[in-house]
Protein backbone atom coordinates (compact mmCIF):
# COMPACT_ATOMS: atom_id res chain seq x y z
CA UNK A 1 0.00 0.00 0.00
CA UNK A 2 1.40 3.44 -0.88
CA UNK A 3 3.67 2.19 -3.66
CA UNK A 4 3.10 3.17 -7.26
CA UNK A 5 3.30 0.42 -9.81
CA UNK A 6 4.20 0.79 -13.48
CA UNK A 7 0.53 1.03 -14.50
CA UNK A 8 -0.13 3.97 -12.18
CA UNK A 9 3.02 5.78 -13.32
CA UNK A 10 2.06 5.38 -17.00
CA UNK A 11 -1.46 6.61 -16.23
CA UNK A 12 -0.09 9.70 -14.43
CA UNK A 13 2.23 10.48 -17.37
CA UNK A 14 -0.65 10.18 -19.86
CA UNK A 15 -2.79 12.56 -17.80
CA UNK A 16 0.08 15.08 -17.62
CA UNK A 17 0.60 14.92 -21.39
CA UNK A 18 -3.13 15.39 -21.97
CA UNK A 19 -3.32 18.35 -19.59
CA UNK A 20 -0.26 20.29 -20.73
CA UNK A 21 0.22 19.10 -24.29
CA UNK A 22 3.28 17.45 -25.79
CA UNK A 23 4.56 20.73 -27.25
CA UNK A 24 4.75 22.58 -23.92
CA UNK A 25 6.41 19.84 -21.86
CA UNK A 26 9.98 20.30 -23.21
CA UNK A 27 9.76 24.07 -22.62
CA UNK A 28 8.50 23.51 -19.08
CA UNK A 29 11.29 21.03 -18.35
CA UNK A 30 13.89 23.43 -19.78
CA UNK A 31 12.69 26.34 -17.66
CA UNK A 32 12.57 24.12 -14.57
CA UNK A 33 16.17 23.03 -15.20
CA UNK A 34 17.28 26.64 -15.71
CA UNK A 35 15.62 27.66 -12.45
CA UNK A 36 17.33 24.81 -10.61
CA UNK A 37 20.74 25.84 -12.00
CA UNK A 38 20.20 29.46 -10.95
CA UNK A 39 19.14 28.40 -7.46
CA UNK A 40 22.18 26.14 -7.16
CA UNK A 41 24.58 28.87 -8.30
CA UNK A 42 23.04 31.40 -5.91
CA UNK A 43 23.35 28.98 -2.99
CA UNK A 44 26.97 28.26 -3.94
CA UNK A 45 27.75 31.99 -4.20
CA UNK A 46 26.19 32.68 -0.81
CA UNK A 47 28.15 29.84 0.74
CA UNK A 48 31.44 31.03 -0.77
CA UNK A 49 30.75 34.63 0.33
CA UNK A 50 30.10 33.42 3.86
CA UNK A 51 33.31 31.39 3.86
CA UNK A 52 35.37 34.33 2.53
CA UNK A 53 34.17 36.78 5.16
CA UNK A 54 34.10 34.28 8.00
CA UNK A 55 30.74 35.53 9.21
CA UNK A 56 27.24 35.94 7.92
CA UNK A 57 26.60 39.02 5.79
CA UNK A 58 25.66 42.12 7.75
CA UNK A 59 23.01 44.69 7.04
CA UNK A 60 24.11 47.68 4.95
CA UNK A 61 24.71 50.91 6.85
CA UNK A 62 21.56 52.97 7.20
CA UNK A 63 23.04 56.34 8.15
CA UNK A 64 24.87 58.40 5.55
CA UNK A 65 27.08 61.45 5.94
CA UNK A 66 24.49 63.70 4.27
CA UNK A 67 20.92 63.16 5.58
CA UNK A 68 19.44 64.44 2.28
CA UNK A 69 21.30 61.81 0.24
CA UNK A 70 20.21 58.18 0.73
CA UNK A 71 22.80 55.41 0.67
CA UNK A 72 23.46 54.05 -2.87
CA UNK A 73 21.67 50.85 -3.82
CA UNK A 74 23.31 47.89 -5.52
CA UNK A 75 21.60 45.95 -8.29
CA UNK A 76 22.63 42.84 -10.16
CA UNK A 77 22.64 42.60 -13.93
CA UNK A 78 21.46 38.98 -14.05
CA UNK A 79 20.46 36.29 -11.54
CA UNK A 80 23.45 34.24 -10.52
CA UNK A 81 25.97 36.82 -11.75
CA UNK A 82 27.49 38.34 -8.61
CA UNK A 83 30.53 39.79 -10.38
CA UNK A 84 28.58 42.46 -12.29
CA UNK A 85 26.93 44.13 -9.27
CA UNK A 86 27.33 47.87 -9.28
CA UNK A 87 26.04 50.82 -7.26
CA UNK A 88 23.23 52.77 -8.88
CA UNK A 89 22.35 56.41 -8.24
CA UNK A 90 18.71 57.01 -7.44
CA UNK A 91 16.91 59.48 -9.73
CA UNK A 92 16.41 62.88 -8.19
CA UNK A 93 13.23 64.89 -8.34
CA UNK A 94 14.21 68.46 -9.18
CA UNK A 95 10.61 69.71 -8.90
CA UNK A 96 10.55 69.46 -5.09
CA UNK A 97 11.81 72.43 -3.11
PDB file of N, CA and C in Angstrom:
ATOM      1  N   UNK A   1       0.833  -1.174   0.000  1.00  0.00           N
ATOM      2  CA  UNK A   1       0.000   0.000   0.000  1.00  0.00           C
ATOM      3  C   UNK A   1       0.883   1.244   0.000  1.00  0.00           C
ATOM      4  N   UNK A   2       0.590   2.232  -0.832  1.00  0.00           N
ATOM      5  CA  UNK A   2       1.397   3.438  -0.884  1.00  0.00           C
ATOM      6  C   UNK A   2       2.454   3.410  -1.969  1.00  0.00           C
ATOM      7  N   UNK A   3       2.660   2.286  -2.603  1.00  0.00           N
ATOM      8  CA  UNK A   3       3.671   2.189  -3.657  1.00  0.00           C
ATOM      9  C   UNK A   3       2.987   2.295  -5.017  1.00  0.00           C
ATOM     10  N   UNK A   4       3.626   3.018  -5.910  1.00  0.00           N
ATOM     11  CA  UNK A   4       3.102   3.168  -7.259  1.00  0.00           C
ATOM     12  C   UNK A   4       3.698   2.092  -8.164  1.00  0.00           C
ATOM     13  N   UNK A   5       2.842   1.419  -8.868  1.00  0.00           N
ATOM     14  CA  UNK A   5       3.299   0.416  -9.815  1.00  0.00           C
ATOM     15  C   UNK A   5       3.490   1.038 -11.185  1.00  0.00           C
ATOM     16  N   UNK A   6       3.968   0.259 -12.148  1.00  0.00           N
ATOM     17  CA  UNK A   6       4.204   0.790 -13.485  1.00  0.00           C
ATOM     18  C   UNK A   6       2.912   1.261 -14.175  1.00  0.00           C
ATOM     19  N   UNK A   7       1.803   0.627 -13.894  1.00  0.00           N
ATOM     20  CA  UNK A   7       0.534   1.026 -14.504  1.00  0.00           C
ATOM     21  C   UNK A   7       0.114   2.410 -14.020  1.00  0.00           C
ATOM     22  N   UNK A   8       0.247   2.672 -12.722  1.00  0.00           N
ATOM     23  CA  UNK A   8      -0.125   3.968 -12.176  1.00  0.00           C
ATOM     24  C   UNK A   8       0.786   5.075 -12.699  1.00  0.00           C
ATOM     25  N   UNK A   9       2.075   4.792 -12.815  1.00  0.00           N
ATOM     26  CA  UNK A   9       3.025   5.782 -13.318  1.00  0.00           C
ATOM     27  C   UNK A   9       2.698   6.140 -14.769  1.00  0.00           C
ATOM     28  N   UNK A  10       2.407   5.129 -15.597  1.00  0.00           N
ATOM     29  CA  UNK A  10       2.056   5.376 -16.997  1.00  0.00           C
ATOM     30  C   UNK A  10       0.772   6.189 -17.078  1.00  0.00           C
ATOM     31  N   UNK A  11      -0.204   5.875 -16.239  1.00  0.00           N
ATOM     32  CA  UNK A  11      -1.462   6.611 -16.229  1.00  0.00           C
ATOM     33  C   UNK A  11      -1.241   8.080 -15.845  1.00  0.00           C
ATOM     34  N   UNK A  12      -0.397   8.334 -14.856  1.00  0.00           N
ATOM     35  CA  UNK A  12      -0.087   9.702 -14.435  1.00  0.00           C
ATOM     36  C   UNK A  12       0.597  10.463 -15.570  1.00  0.00           C
ATOM     37  N   UNK A  13       1.540   9.831 -16.255  1.00  0.00           N
ATOM     38  CA  UNK A  13       2.230  10.480 -17.374  1.00  0.00           C
ATOM     39  C   UNK A  13       1.273  10.817 -18.514  1.00  0.00           C
ATOM     40  N   UNK A  14       0.330   9.925 -18.804  1.00  0.00           N
ATOM     41  CA  UNK A  14      -0.652  10.183 -19.858  1.00  0.00           C
ATOM     42  C   UNK A  14      -1.534  11.361 -19.487  1.00  0.00           C
ATOM     43  N   UNK A  15      -1.953  11.437 -18.247  1.00  0.00           N
ATOM     44  CA  UNK A  15      -2.787  12.557 -17.805  1.00  0.00           C
ATOM     45  C   UNK A  15      -2.009  13.866 -17.907  1.00  0.00           C
ATOM     46  N   UNK A  16      -0.739  13.865 -17.521  1.00  0.00           N
ATOM     47  CA  UNK A  16       0.083  15.075 -17.616  1.00  0.00           C
ATOM     48  C   UNK A  16       0.225  15.520 -19.065  1.00  0.00           C
ATOM     49  N   UNK A  17       0.474  14.583 -19.970  1.00  0.00           N
ATOM     50  CA  UNK A  17       0.603  14.924 -21.389  1.00  0.00           C
ATOM     51  C   UNK A  17      -0.712  15.466 -21.928  1.00  0.00           C
ATOM     52  N   UNK A  18      -1.830  14.897 -21.513  1.00  0.00           N
ATOM     53  CA  UNK A  18      -3.131  15.392 -21.972  1.00  0.00           C
ATOM     54  C   UNK A  18      -3.422  16.792 -21.426  1.00  0.00           C
ATOM     55  N   UNK A  19      -3.043  17.047 -20.197  1.00  0.00           N
ATOM     56  CA  UNK A  19      -3.319  18.351 -19.593  1.00  0.00           C
ATOM     57  C   UNK A  19      -2.460  19.467 -20.193  1.00  0.00           C
ATOM     58  N   UNK A  20      -1.182  19.236 -20.313  1.00  0.00           N
ATOM     59  CA  UNK A  20      -0.263  20.289 -20.729  1.00  0.00           C
ATOM     60  C   UNK A  20       0.059  20.263 -22.222  1.00  0.00           C
ATOM     61  N   UNK A  21      -0.099  19.177 -22.869  1.00  0.00           N
ATOM     62  CA  UNK A  21       0.217  19.096 -24.290  1.00  0.00           C
ATOM     63  C   UNK A  21       1.671  18.719 -24.506  1.00  0.00           C
ATOM     64  N   UNK A  22       1.927  17.937 -25.527  1.00  0.00           N
ATOM     65  CA  UNK A  22       3.277  17.446 -25.794  1.00  0.00           C
ATOM     66  C   UNK A  22       4.222  18.565 -26.220  1.00  0.00           C
ATOM     67  N   UNK A  23       3.694  19.646 -26.786  1.00  0.00           N
ATOM     68  CA  UNK A  23       4.558  20.729 -27.254  1.00  0.00           C
ATOM     69  C   UNK A  23       5.099  21.572 -26.103  1.00  0.00           C
ATOM     70  N   UNK A  24       4.337  21.720 -25.030  1.00  0.00           N
ATOM     71  CA  UNK A  24       4.754  22.584 -23.924  1.00  0.00           C
ATOM     72  C   UNK A  24       5.656  21.869 -22.916  1.00  0.00           C
ATOM     73  N   UNK A  25       5.630  20.566 -22.874  1.00  0.00           N
ATOM     74  CA  UNK A  25       6.405  19.839 -21.864  1.00  0.00           C
ATOM     75  C   UNK A  25       7.911  20.074 -21.970  1.00  0.00           C
ATOM     76  N   UNK A  26       8.538  20.033 -23.161  1.00  0.00           N
ATOM     77  CA  UNK A  26       9.985  20.304 -23.214  1.00  0.00           C
ATOM     78  C   UNK A  26      10.335  21.714 -22.739  1.00  0.00           C
ATOM     79  N   UNK A  27       9.501  22.707 -23.075  1.00  0.00           N
ATOM     80  CA  UNK A  27       9.762  24.070 -22.616  1.00  0.00           C
ATOM     81  C   UNK A  27       9.654  24.169 -21.102  1.00  0.00           C
ATOM     82  N   UNK A  28       8.660  23.492 -20.539  1.00  0.00           N
ATOM     83  CA  UNK A  28       8.497  23.511 -19.083  1.00  0.00           C
ATOM     84  C   UNK A  28       9.681  22.842 -18.395  1.00  0.00           C
ATOM     85  N   UNK A  29      10.148  21.728 -18.939  1.00  0.00           N
ATOM     86  CA  UNK A  29      11.292  21.027 -18.351  1.00  0.00           C
ATOM     87  C   UNK A  29      12.559  21.875 -18.462  1.00  0.00           C
ATOM     88  N   UNK A  30      12.719  22.563 -19.577  1.00  0.00           N
ATOM     89  CA  UNK A  30      13.888  23.425 -19.777  1.00  0.00           C
ATOM     90  C   UNK A  30      13.886  24.572 -18.786  1.00  0.00           C
ATOM     91  N   UNK A  31      12.754  25.225 -18.597  1.00  0.00           N
ATOM     92  CA  UNK A  31      12.687  26.339 -17.655  1.00  0.00           C
ATOM     93  C   UNK A  31      12.868  25.866 -16.218  1.00  0.00           C
ATOM     94  N   UNK A  32      12.366  24.676 -15.910  1.00  0.00           N
ATOM     95  CA  UNK A  32      12.571  24.121 -14.573  1.00  0.00           C
ATOM     96  C   UNK A  32      14.051  23.833 -14.320  1.00  0.00           C
ATOM     97  N   UNK A  33      14.732  23.294 -15.326  1.00  0.00           N
ATOM     98  CA  UNK A  33      16.171  23.035 -15.203  1.00  0.00           C
ATOM     99  C   UNK A  33      16.971  24.312 -15.054  1.00  0.00           C
ATOM    100  N   UNK A  34      16.594  25.349 -15.809  1.00  0.00           N
ATOM    101  CA  UNK A  34      17.285  26.636 -15.713  1.00  0.00           C
ATOM    102  C   UNK A  34      17.092  27.236 -14.322  1.00  0.00           C
ATOM    103  N   UNK A  35      15.892  27.147 -13.791  1.00  0.00           N
ATOM    104  CA  UNK A  35      15.620  27.661 -12.448  1.00  0.00           C
ATOM    105  C   UNK A  35      16.433  26.911 -11.398  1.00  0.00           C
ATOM    106  N   UNK A  36      16.547  25.607 -11.560  1.00  0.00           N
ATOM    107  CA  UNK A  36      17.327  24.807 -10.611  1.00  0.00           C
ATOM    108  C   UNK A  36      18.805  25.185 -10.670  1.00  0.00           C
ATOM    109  N   UNK A  37      19.338  25.436 -11.872  1.00  0.00           N
ATOM    110  CA  UNK A  37      20.742  25.843 -12.000  1.00  0.00           C
ATOM    111  C   UNK A  37      20.982  27.205 -11.364  1.00  0.00           C
ATOM    112  N   UNK A  38      20.051  28.132 -11.549  1.00  0.00           N
ATOM    113  CA  UNK A  38      20.197  29.459 -10.953  1.00  0.00           C
ATOM    114  C   UNK A  38      20.166  29.365  -9.433  1.00  0.00           C
ATOM    115  N   UNK A  39      19.231  28.576  -8.910  1.00  0.00           N
ATOM    116  CA  UNK A  39      19.142  28.397  -7.463  1.00  0.00           C
ATOM    117  C   UNK A  39      20.422  27.787  -6.905  1.00  0.00           C
ATOM    118  N   UNK A  40      20.953  26.800  -7.609  1.00  0.00           N
ATOM    119  CA  UNK A  40      22.181  26.142  -7.160  1.00  0.00           C
ATOM    120  C   UNK A  40      23.356  27.114  -7.176  1.00  0.00           C
ATOM    121  N   UNK A  41      23.467  27.930  -8.229  1.00  0.00           N
ATOM    122  CA  UNK A  41      24.585  28.874  -8.305  1.00  0.00           C
ATOM    123  C   UNK A  41      24.462  29.960  -7.240  1.00  0.00           C
ATOM    124  N   UNK A  42      23.240  30.404  -6.966  1.00  0.00           N
ATOM    125  CA  UNK A  42      23.040  31.404  -5.909  1.00  0.00           C
ATOM    126  C   UNK A  42      23.414  30.837  -4.544  1.00  0.00           C
ATOM    127  N   UNK A  43      23.014  29.608  -4.273  1.00  0.00           N
ATOM    128  CA  UNK A  43      23.351  28.981  -2.990  1.00  0.00           C
ATOM    129  C   UNK A  43      24.862  28.811  -2.857  1.00  0.00           C
ATOM    130  N   UNK A  44      25.511  28.440  -3.952  1.00  0.00           N
ATOM    131  CA  UNK A  44      26.968  28.261  -3.943  1.00  0.00           C
ATOM    132  C   UNK A  44      27.662  29.602  -3.728  1.00  0.00           C
ATOM    133  N   UNK A  45      27.160  30.668  -4.371  1.00  0.00           N
ATOM    134  CA  UNK A  45      27.752  31.988  -4.201  1.00  0.00           C
ATOM    135  C   UNK A  45      27.583  32.486  -2.776  1.00  0.00           C
ATOM    136  N   UNK A  46      26.404  32.262  -2.194  1.00  0.00           N
ATOM    137  CA  UNK A  46      26.188  32.684  -0.812  1.00  0.00           C
ATOM    138  C   UNK A  46      27.104  31.936   0.143  1.00  0.00           C
ATOM    139  N   UNK A  47      27.279  30.652  -0.118  1.00  0.00           N
ATOM    140  CA  UNK A  47      28.147  29.836   0.737  1.00  0.00           C
ATOM    141  C   UNK A  47      29.595  30.295   0.622  1.00  0.00           C
ATOM    142  N   UNK A  48      30.059  30.597  -0.595  1.00  0.00           N
ATOM    143  CA  UNK A  48      31.440  31.032  -0.769  1.00  0.00           C
ATOM    144  C   UNK A  48      31.649  32.426  -0.185  1.00  0.00           C
ATOM    145  N   UNK A  49      30.646  33.312  -0.294  1.00  0.00           N
ATOM    146  CA  UNK A  49      30.749  34.630   0.325  1.00  0.00           C
ATOM    147  C   UNK A  49      30.841  34.520   1.835  1.00  0.00           C
ATOM    148  N   UNK A  50      30.066  33.616   2.413  1.00  0.00           N
ATOM    149  CA  UNK A  50      30.098  33.423   3.862  1.00  0.00           C
ATOM    150  C   UNK A  50      31.445  32.871   4.299  1.00  0.00           C
ATOM    151  N   UNK A  51      32.011  31.958   3.516  1.00  0.00           N
ATOM    152  CA  UNK A  51      33.313  31.387   3.860  1.00  0.00           C
ATOM    153  C   UNK A  51      34.430  32.412   3.707  1.00  0.00           C
ATOM    154  N   UNK A  52      34.341  33.318   2.739  1.00  0.00           N
ATOM    155  CA  UNK A  52      35.373  34.333   2.534  1.00  0.00           C
ATOM    156  C   UNK A  52      35.401  35.326   3.677  1.00  0.00           C
ATOM    157  N   UNK A  53      34.222  35.757   4.121  1.00  0.00           N
ATOM    158  CA  UNK A  53      34.171  36.779   5.164  1.00  0.00           C
ATOM    159  C   UNK A  53      34.306  36.180   6.557  1.00  0.00           C
ATOM    160  N   UNK A  54      33.994  34.927   6.709  1.00  0.00           N
ATOM    161  CA  UNK A  54      34.101  34.282   8.005  1.00  0.00           C
ATOM    162  C   UNK A  54      32.861  34.420   8.852  1.00  0.00           C
ATOM    163  N   UNK A  55      31.980  35.341   8.478  1.00  0.00           N
ATOM    164  CA  UNK A  55      30.740  35.531   9.214  1.00  0.00           C
ATOM    165  C   UNK A  55      29.604  35.693   8.229  1.00  0.00           C
ATOM    166  N   UNK A  56      28.417  35.724   8.767  1.00  0.00           N
ATOM    167  CA  UNK A  56      27.241  35.937   7.924  1.00  0.00           C
ATOM    168  C   UNK A  56      27.232  37.377   7.444  1.00  0.00           C
ATOM    169  N   UNK A  57      26.639  37.643   6.288  1.00  0.00           N
ATOM    170  CA  UNK A  57      26.599  39.016   5.790  1.00  0.00           C
ATOM    171  C   UNK A  57      25.841  39.926   6.748  1.00  0.00           C
ATOM    172  N   UNK A  58      26.298  41.173   6.849  1.00  0.00           N
ATOM    173  CA  UNK A  58      25.658  42.121   7.751  1.00  0.00           C
ATOM    174  C   UNK A  58      24.748  43.035   6.955  1.00  0.00           C
ATOM    175  N   UNK A  59      23.908  43.739   7.674  1.00  0.00           N
ATOM    176  CA  UNK A  59      23.014  44.690   7.036  1.00  0.00           C
ATOM    177  C   UNK A  59      23.819  45.882   6.527  1.00  0.00           C
ATOM    178  N   UNK A  60      23.393  46.497   5.427  1.00  0.00           N
ATOM    179  CA  UNK A  60      24.112  47.677   4.947  1.00  0.00           C
ATOM    180  C   UNK A  60      23.922  48.834   5.911  1.00  0.00           C
ATOM    181  N   UNK A  61      24.848  49.768   5.931  1.00  0.00           N
ATOM    182  CA  UNK A  61      24.713  50.906   6.845  1.00  0.00           C
ATOM    183  C   UNK A  61      23.497  51.741   6.455  1.00  0.00           C
ATOM    184  N   UNK A  62      22.775  52.212   7.474  1.00  0.00           N
ATOM    185  CA  UNK A  62      21.563  52.973   7.200  1.00  0.00           C
ATOM    186  C   UNK A  62      21.807  54.471   7.268  1.00  0.00           C
ATOM    187  N   UNK A  63      22.777  54.917   8.018  1.00  0.00           N
ATOM    188  CA  UNK A  63      23.045  56.337   8.145  1.00  0.00           C
ATOM    189  C   UNK A  63      24.095  56.748   7.121  1.00  0.00           C
ATOM    190  N   UNK A  64      23.880  57.889   6.483  1.00  0.00           N
ATOM    191  CA  UNK A  64      24.867  58.401   5.550  1.00  0.00           C
ATOM    192  C   UNK A  64      25.398  59.725   6.085  1.00  0.00           C
ATOM    193  N   UNK A  65      26.475  60.214   5.491  1.00  0.00           N
ATOM    194  CA  UNK A  65      27.082  61.454   5.945  1.00  0.00           C
ATOM    195  C   UNK A  65      26.139  62.632   5.711  1.00  0.00           C
ATOM    196  N   UNK A  66      25.429  62.632   4.598  1.00  0.00           N
ATOM    197  CA  UNK A  66      24.493  63.697   4.272  1.00  0.00           C
ATOM    198  C   UNK A  66      23.073  63.159   4.445  1.00  0.00           C
ATOM    199  N   UNK A  67      22.262  63.711   5.350  1.00  0.00           N
ATOM    200  CA  UNK A  67      20.922  63.155   5.578  1.00  0.00           C
ATOM    201  C   UNK A  67      19.998  63.311   4.369  1.00  0.00           C
ATOM    202  N   UNK A  68      20.275  64.261   3.469  1.00  0.00           N
ATOM    203  CA  UNK A  68      19.441  64.443   2.284  1.00  0.00           C
ATOM    204  C   UNK A  68      19.737  63.406   1.203  1.00  0.00           C
ATOM    205  N   UNK A  69      20.896  62.795   1.242  1.00  0.00           N
ATOM    206  CA  UNK A  69      21.297  61.813   0.235  1.00  0.00           C
ATOM    207  C   UNK A  69      21.175  60.407   0.813  1.00  0.00           C
ATOM    208  N   UNK A  70      20.306  59.563   0.243  1.00  0.00           N
ATOM    209  CA  UNK A  70      20.211  58.184   0.731  1.00  0.00           C
ATOM    210  C   UNK A  70      21.440  57.384   0.307  1.00  0.00           C
ATOM    211  N   UNK A  71      21.675  56.281   1.010  1.00  0.00           N
ATOM    212  CA  UNK A  71      22.800  55.414   0.671  1.00  0.00           C
ATOM    213  C   UNK A  71      22.578  54.808  -0.709  1.00  0.00           C
ATOM    214  N   UNK A  72      23.642  54.617  -1.521  1.00  0.00           N
ATOM    215  CA  UNK A  72      23.462  54.047  -2.866  1.00  0.00           C
ATOM    216  C   UNK A  72      22.992  52.602  -2.793  1.00  0.00           C
ATOM    217  N   UNK A  73      22.153  52.223  -3.739  1.00  0.00           N
ATOM    218  CA  UNK A  73      21.674  50.850  -3.818  1.00  0.00           C
ATOM    219  C   UNK A  73      22.542  50.074  -4.785  1.00  0.00           C
ATOM    220  N   UNK A  74      22.563  48.753  -4.620  1.00  0.00           N
ATOM    221  CA  UNK A  74      23.310  47.894  -5.520  1.00  0.00           C
ATOM    222  C   UNK A  74      22.328  46.957  -6.208  1.00  0.00           C
ATOM    223  N   UNK A  75      22.438  46.870  -7.531  1.00  0.00           N
ATOM    224  CA  UNK A  75      21.596  45.954  -8.289  1.00  0.00           C
ATOM    225  C   UNK A  75      22.475  44.969  -9.020  1.00  0.00           C
ATOM    226  N   UNK A  76      21.895  43.840  -9.399  1.00  0.00           N
ATOM    227  CA  UNK A  76      22.625  42.836 -10.156  1.00  0.00           C
ATOM    228  C   UNK A  76      22.100  42.821 -11.579  1.00  0.00           C
ATOM    229  N   UNK A  77      23.014  42.595 -12.528  1.00  0.00           N
ATOM    230  CA  UNK A  77      22.639  42.597 -13.931  1.00  0.00           C
ATOM    231  C   UNK A  77      21.818  41.370 -14.284  1.00  0.00           C
ATOM    232  N   UNK A  78      22.160  40.217 -13.736  1.00  0.00           N
ATOM    233  CA  UNK A  78      21.457  38.984 -14.054  1.00  0.00           C
ATOM    234  C   UNK A  78      21.482  38.076 -12.835  1.00  0.00           C
ATOM    235  N   UNK A  79      20.446  37.228 -12.668  1.00  0.00           N
ATOM    236  CA  UNK A  79      20.459  36.293 -11.543  1.00  0.00           C
ATOM    237  C   UNK A  79      21.651  35.344 -11.642  1.00  0.00           C
ATOM    238  N   UNK A  80      22.319  35.159 -10.549  1.00  0.00           N
ATOM    239  CA  UNK A  80      23.452  34.244 -10.518  1.00  0.00           C
ATOM    240  C   UNK A  80      24.767  34.894 -10.864  1.00  0.00           C
ATOM    241  N   UNK A  81      24.758  36.133 -11.348  1.00  0.00           N
ATOM    242  CA  UNK A  81      25.972  36.815 -11.748  1.00  0.00           C
ATOM    243  C   UNK A  81      26.313  37.830 -10.672  1.00  0.00           C
ATOM    244  N   UNK A  82      27.161  37.449  -9.717  1.00  0.00           N
ATOM    245  CA  UNK A  82      27.487  38.339  -8.615  1.00  0.00           C
ATOM    246  C   UNK A  82      28.669  39.233  -8.943  1.00  0.00           C
ATOM    247  N   UNK A  83      29.357  38.988 -10.046  1.00  0.00           N
ATOM    248  CA  UNK A  83      30.529  39.793 -10.383  1.00  0.00           C
ATOM    249  C   UNK A  83      30.154  41.108 -11.035  1.00  0.00           C
ATOM    250  N   UNK A  84      28.942  41.242 -11.578  1.00  0.00           N
ATOM    251  CA  UNK A  84      28.578  42.458 -12.287  1.00  0.00           C
ATOM    252  C   UNK A  84      27.716  43.394 -11.436  1.00  0.00           C
ATOM    253  N   UNK A  85      27.694  43.229 -10.130  1.00  0.00           N
ATOM    254  CA  UNK A  85      26.935  44.128  -9.270  1.00  0.00           C
ATOM    255  C   UNK A  85      27.597  45.498  -9.269  1.00  0.00           C
ATOM    256  N   UNK A  86      26.786  46.524  -9.274  1.00  0.00           N
ATOM    257  CA  UNK A  86      27.331  47.867  -9.276  1.00  0.00           C
ATOM    258  C   UNK A  86      26.379  48.793  -8.547  1.00  0.00           C
ATOM    259  N   UNK A  87      26.914  49.858  -7.916  1.00  0.00           N
ATOM    260  CA  UNK A  87      26.039  50.823  -7.258  1.00  0.00           C
ATOM    261  C   UNK A  87      25.284  51.642  -8.303  1.00  0.00           C
ATOM    262  N   UNK A  88      24.078  52.022  -7.966  1.00  0.00           N
ATOM    263  CA  UNK A  88      23.233  52.774  -8.881  1.00  0.00           C
ATOM    264  C   UNK A  88      22.739  54.023  -8.160  1.00  0.00           C
ATOM    265  N   UNK A  89      22.840  55.163  -8.830  1.00  0.00           N
ATOM    266  CA  UNK A  89      22.351  56.410  -8.244  1.00  0.00           C
ATOM    267  C   UNK A  89      20.842  56.472  -8.416  1.00  0.00           C
ATOM    268  N   UNK A  90      20.157  56.869  -7.379  1.00  0.00           N
ATOM    269  CA  UNK A  90      18.713  57.014  -7.437  1.00  0.00           C
ATOM    270  C   UNK A  90      18.378  58.272  -8.226  1.00  0.00           C
ATOM    271  N   UNK A  91      17.297  58.265  -9.009  1.00  0.00           N
ATOM    272  CA  UNK A  91      16.913  59.477  -9.728  1.00  0.00           C
ATOM    273  C   UNK A  91      16.462  60.552  -8.736  1.00  0.00           C
ATOM    274  N   UNK A  92      16.787  61.776  -9.067  1.00  0.00           N
ATOM    275  CA  UNK A  92      16.407  62.877  -8.185  1.00  0.00           C
ATOM    276  C   UNK A  92      15.224  63.609  -8.784  1.00  0.00           C
ATOM    277  N   UNK A  93      14.398  64.126  -7.919  1.00  0.00           N
ATOM    278  CA  UNK A  93      13.235  64.886  -8.341  1.00  0.00           C
ATOM    279  C   UNK A  93      13.562  66.366  -8.159  1.00  0.00           C
ATOM    280  N   UNK A  94      13.810  67.059  -9.264  1.00  0.00           N
ATOM    281  CA  UNK A  94      14.207  68.456  -9.178  1.00  0.00           C
ATOM    282  C   UNK A  94      13.020  69.393  -9.026  1.00  0.00           C
ATOM    283  N   UNK A  95      11.788  68.859  -9.046  1.00  0.00           N
ATOM    284  CA  UNK A  95      10.612  69.715  -8.901  1.00  0.00           C
ATOM    285  C   UNK A  95      10.297  70.036  -7.450  1.00  0.00           C
ATOM    286  N   UNK A  96      10.785  69.214  -6.514  1.00  0.00           N
ATOM    287  CA  UNK A  96      10.545  69.462  -5.087  1.00  0.00           C
ATOM    288  C   UNK A  96      11.464  70.563  -4.593  1.00  0.00           C
ATOM    289  N   UNK A  97      10.965  71.379  -3.709  1.00  0.00           N
ATOM    290  CA  UNK A  97      11.805  72.426  -3.105  1.00  0.00           C
ATOM    291  C   UNK A  97      11.475  72.615  -1.674  1.00  0.00           C
TER     292      UNK A  97
END
